[in-house]
Amino acid sequence: MSAFEIADIIGIISFALSGFLIGVHCRLDILGVFISAFLTAFGGGMIRDVLADRTPYVFTSNLPLSLVIVTVLIAILFKLHKITNLEGKWAFIISDAIGLASFAITGSIIAIESGFNFLSVLVLGFITAVGGGTIRDVLINRMPFILVSEFYATVALIIASIVYILELFELRNFVSLIIVFIFGVLLRVLAYYKKWHLPTLLKE
């Protein structure tokens, strides 16, 4: 199994869990919760594949859908739907950080393997990481997470930049990508607990 496939599986599971938690937190019905999980897990990757002129992975394999269904069922079994104060709970923060780092890596790899330039690596890494969550938030009438969260989308851009640099110096391999993944997760979690924000233009 390649580094891309592993990162994609990790991202799907992690974002399916965070989408599930968001759906429950917003008091959606059971279908709405599944849709929230599906959109979070697949939305960004589908946009990425369309931009890269690829058939979306979810349309060619039963594995992604199976992963989301199993993740949601396990989350229900372990009563994660009873979590309150969502954004302050470890299950959401960790799963979302893992999904963010994993999908930023997969988007960057797709762009590189498609022969795209640096800007495209940034765009595909960014869209893969935050696209699904953004679609989900718009659908359920929430302010998109990337616009208000602590140093969130920036992490995806940093990861995409690192992956591109690794490729330039022919250092992109399984081990280096694991290091980038761990760095991305830790950076996102640290940014959350330290409440790092990008500066705003309007000062109170």
Protein backbone atom coordinates (compact mmCIF):
# COMPACT_ATOMS: atom_id res chain seq x y z
CA MET A 1 0.00 0.00 0.00
CA SER A 2 1.41 3.38 -1.01
CA ALA A 3 1.86 6.44 1.22
CA PHE A 4 -0.96 8.12 -0.72
CA GLU A 5 -3.41 5.28 -0.07
CA ILE A 6 -2.55 5.16 3.63
CA ALA A 7 -2.93 8.93 4.01
CA ASP A 8 -6.24 8.82 2.13
CA ILE A 9 -7.64 6.08 4.37
CA ILE A 10 -6.54 7.90 7.52
CA GLY A 11 -8.06 11.14 6.22
CA ILE A 12 -11.38 9.50 5.32
CA ILE A 13 -11.77 7.87 8.73
CA SER A 14 -10.74 10.99 10.64
CA PHE A 15 -12.94 13.40 8.69
CA ALA A 16 -15.87 10.97 8.77
CA LEU A 17 -15.61 11.06 12.56
CA SER A 18 -15.37 14.85 12.74
CA GLY A 19 -18.29 15.18 10.29
CA PHE A 20 -20.31 12.79 12.44
CA LEU A 21 -19.59 14.85 15.57
CA ILE A 22 -20.53 18.10 13.82
CA GLY A 23 -23.77 16.56 12.55
CA VAL A 24 -24.74 15.36 16.02
CA HIS A 25 -23.74 18.68 17.57
CA CYS A 26 -26.03 20.51 15.12
CA ARG A 27 -28.88 18.12 16.03
CA LEU A 28 -29.26 16.64 12.55
CA ASP A 29 -31.32 13.50 12.12
CA ILE A 30 -29.60 10.19 11.40
CA LEU A 31 -29.57 10.76 7.62
CA GLY A 32 -28.23 14.26 8.14
CA VAL A 33 -25.45 12.91 10.36
CA PHE A 34 -24.42 10.41 7.67
CA ILE A 35 -24.51 13.14 5.00
CA SER A 36 -22.35 15.36 7.22
CA ALA A 37 -19.84 12.52 7.60
CA PHE A 38 -19.87 11.75 3.86
CA LEU A 39 -19.40 15.37 2.81
CA THR A 40 -16.56 15.96 5.26
CA ALA A 41 -14.78 12.78 4.19
CA PHE A 42 -15.32 12.99 0.42
CA GLY A 43 -16.13 16.58 -0.55
CA GLY A 44 -12.59 17.92 -0.77
CA GLY A 45 -11.22 14.81 -2.47
CA MET A 46 -13.93 14.87 -5.12
CA ILE A 47 -13.23 18.51 -5.97
CA ARG A 48 -9.50 17.70 -6.07
CA ASP A 49 -10.01 14.80 -8.46
CA VAL A 50 -12.21 16.84 -10.77
CA LEU A 51 -9.57 19.60 -10.92
CA ALA A 52 -6.87 17.01 -11.59
CA ASP A 53 -8.99 15.37 -14.32
CA ARG A 54 -9.28 12.12 -12.37
CA THR A 55 -12.30 9.96 -11.64
CA PRO A 56 -13.14 10.49 -7.95
CA TYR A 57 -11.82 7.61 -5.86
CA VAL A 58 -15.17 7.20 -4.13
CA PHE A 59 -16.73 6.36 -7.54
CA THR A 60 -14.27 3.57 -8.36
CA SER A 61 -13.87 1.78 -5.03
CA ASN A 62 -16.24 0.58 -2.33
CA LEU A 63 -13.60 1.05 0.37
CA PRO A 64 -14.16 4.79 1.05
CA LEU A 65 -17.91 4.41 1.56
CA SER A 66 -17.37 1.35 3.74
CA LEU A 67 -14.87 3.25 5.89
CA VAL A 68 -17.34 6.08 6.51
CA ILE A 69 -20.21 3.75 7.39
CA VAL A 70 -18.08 1.68 9.77
CA THR A 71 -16.63 4.83 11.37
CA VAL A 72 -20.09 6.29 12.03
CA LEU A 73 -21.42 3.01 13.42
CA ILE A 74 -18.41 2.64 15.74
CA ALA A 75 -18.83 6.26 16.88
CA ILE A 76 -22.46 5.50 17.75
CA LEU A 77 -21.47 2.26 19.50
CA PHE A 78 -18.95 4.09 21.69
CA LYS A 79 -21.54 6.82 22.41
CA LEU A 80 -19.43 9.61 20.93
CA HIS A 81 -22.72 11.22 19.93
CA LYS A 82 -23.19 12.17 23.59
CA ILE A 83 -20.20 14.53 23.52
CA THR A 84 -21.13 18.10 24.44
CA ASN A 85 -19.13 21.31 24.08
CA LEU A 86 -17.86 19.90 20.79
CA GLU A 87 -14.95 22.17 19.96
CA GLY A 88 -13.41 21.59 23.38
CA LYS A 89 -13.40 17.80 23.19
CA TRP A 90 -10.39 15.73 22.24
CA ALA A 91 -12.28 13.40 19.87
CA PHE A 92 -13.20 16.25 17.52
CA ILE A 93 -9.91 18.16 17.77
CA ILE A 94 -7.69 15.12 17.18
CA SER A 95 -9.80 13.56 14.42
CA ASP A 96 -10.07 16.88 12.60
CA ALA A 97 -6.31 17.54 12.92
CA ILE A 98 -5.48 14.07 11.59
CA GLY A 99 -7.89 14.47 8.67
CA LEU A 100 -6.53 17.91 7.86
CA ALA A 101 -2.90 16.73 7.73
CA SER A 102 -3.70 13.52 5.83
CA PHE A 103 -5.77 15.18 3.13
CA ALA A 104 -3.34 18.08 2.70
CA ILE A 105 -0.70 15.46 1.92
CA THR A 106 -2.87 13.48 -0.50
CA GLY A 107 -3.94 16.62 -2.36
CA SER A 108 -0.33 17.70 -2.70
CA ILE A 109 0.74 14.28 -3.98
CA ILE A 110 -2.03 14.27 -6.61
CA ALA A 111 -0.92 17.69 -7.84
CA ILE A 112 2.74 16.66 -8.00
CA GLU A 113 2.01 13.39 -9.79
CA SER A 114 -0.18 15.29 -12.26
CA GLY A 115 2.79 17.49 -13.15
CA PHE A 116 1.25 20.65 -11.71
CA ASN A 117 3.19 23.70 -10.49
CA PHE A 118 3.66 25.02 -6.96
CA LEU A 119 0.45 27.04 -6.95
CA SER A 120 -1.54 23.98 -7.96
CA VAL A 121 0.08 21.93 -5.20
CA LEU A 122 -1.06 24.57 -2.71
CA VAL A 123 -4.57 24.72 -4.20
CA LEU A 124 -5.15 20.96 -4.34
CA GLY A 125 -3.63 20.41 -0.90
CA PHE A 126 -5.83 23.18 0.49
CA ILE A 127 -9.04 22.08 -1.24
CA THR A 128 -8.60 18.42 -0.32
CA ALA A 129 -8.04 19.33 3.33
CA VAL A 130 -10.78 21.90 3.84
CA GLY A 131 -13.21 21.48 0.91
CA GLY A 132 -15.41 18.81 2.45
CA GLY A 133 -15.75 20.58 5.78
CA THR A 134 -16.57 23.85 4.04
CA ILE A 135 -19.33 22.27 1.94
CA ARG A 136 -20.71 20.64 5.08
CA ASP A 137 -20.71 23.90 7.04
CA VAL A 138 -22.46 25.81 4.23
CA LEU A 139 -25.09 23.07 3.92
CA ILE A 140 -25.94 23.13 7.62
CA ASN A 141 -25.76 26.94 7.82
CA ARG A 142 -22.60 27.22 9.93
CA MET A 143 -19.80 29.71 9.48
CA PRO A 144 -17.17 27.70 7.51
CA PHE A 145 -14.50 26.47 9.90
CA ILE A 146 -11.65 27.77 7.73
CA LEU A 147 -12.80 31.38 8.16
CA VAL A 148 -12.87 31.52 11.94
CA SER A 149 -10.80 28.68 13.36
CA GLU A 150 -7.37 29.02 14.89
CA PHE A 151 -4.66 28.66 12.26
CA TYR A 152 -6.66 25.96 10.45
CA ALA A 153 -6.43 26.33 6.68
CA THR A 154 -2.92 27.76 7.09
CA VAL A 155 -1.76 24.36 8.32
CA ALA A 156 -2.89 22.77 5.04
CA LEU A 157 -0.93 25.36 3.04
CA ILE A 158 2.19 24.79 5.16
CA ILE A 159 1.97 21.03 4.68
CA ALA A 160 1.47 21.39 0.90
CA SER A 161 4.51 23.69 0.72
CA ILE A 162 6.67 21.20 2.61
CA VAL A 163 5.58 18.31 0.39
CA TYR A 164 6.43 20.36 -2.71
CA ILE A 165 9.89 21.23 -1.31
CA LEU A 166 10.52 17.57 -0.50
CA GLU A 167 9.66 16.70 -4.08
CA LEU A 168 12.02 19.40 -5.43
CA PHE A 169 14.92 17.93 -3.49
CA GLU A 170 13.86 14.34 -4.21
CA LEU A 171 13.23 13.70 -0.53
CA ARG A 172 9.58 12.72 -0.78
CA ASN A 173 9.26 9.19 0.56
CA PHE A 174 7.22 7.24 3.08
CA VAL A 175 9.33 8.27 6.08
CA SER A 176 9.47 11.97 5.20
CA LEU A 177 5.71 12.05 4.64
CA ILE A 178 5.11 10.45 8.04
CA ILE A 179 7.22 13.20 9.59
CA VAL A 180 5.23 15.85 7.71
CA PHE A 181 1.99 14.21 8.84
CA ILE A 182 3.03 14.18 12.51
CA PHE A 183 4.24 17.78 12.23
CA GLY A 184 0.93 18.87 10.69
CA VAL A 185 -1.18 17.18 13.37
CA LEU A 186 0.91 18.61 16.19
CA LEU A 187 0.87 22.08 14.63
CA ARG A 188 -2.92 22.06 14.32
CA VAL A 189 -3.44 20.78 17.88
CA LEU A 190 -0.92 23.27 19.26
CA ALA A 191 -2.55 26.11 17.34
CA TYR A 192 -5.91 25.14 18.83
CA TYR A 193 -4.76 24.99 22.43
CA LYS A 194 -2.57 28.09 22.12
CA LYS A 195 -5.44 29.86 20.29
CA TRP A 196 -3.22 31.04 17.46
CA HIS A 197 -5.02 33.19 14.89
CA LEU A 198 -4.01 35.00 11.77
CA PRO A 199 -4.29 38.76 12.30
CA THR A 200 -7.55 40.46 11.38
CA LEU A 201 -7.74 43.78 9.54
CA LEU A 202 -10.43 45.33 11.73
CA LYS A 203 -9.16 46.23 15.19
CA GLU A 204 -11.59 46.76 18.04
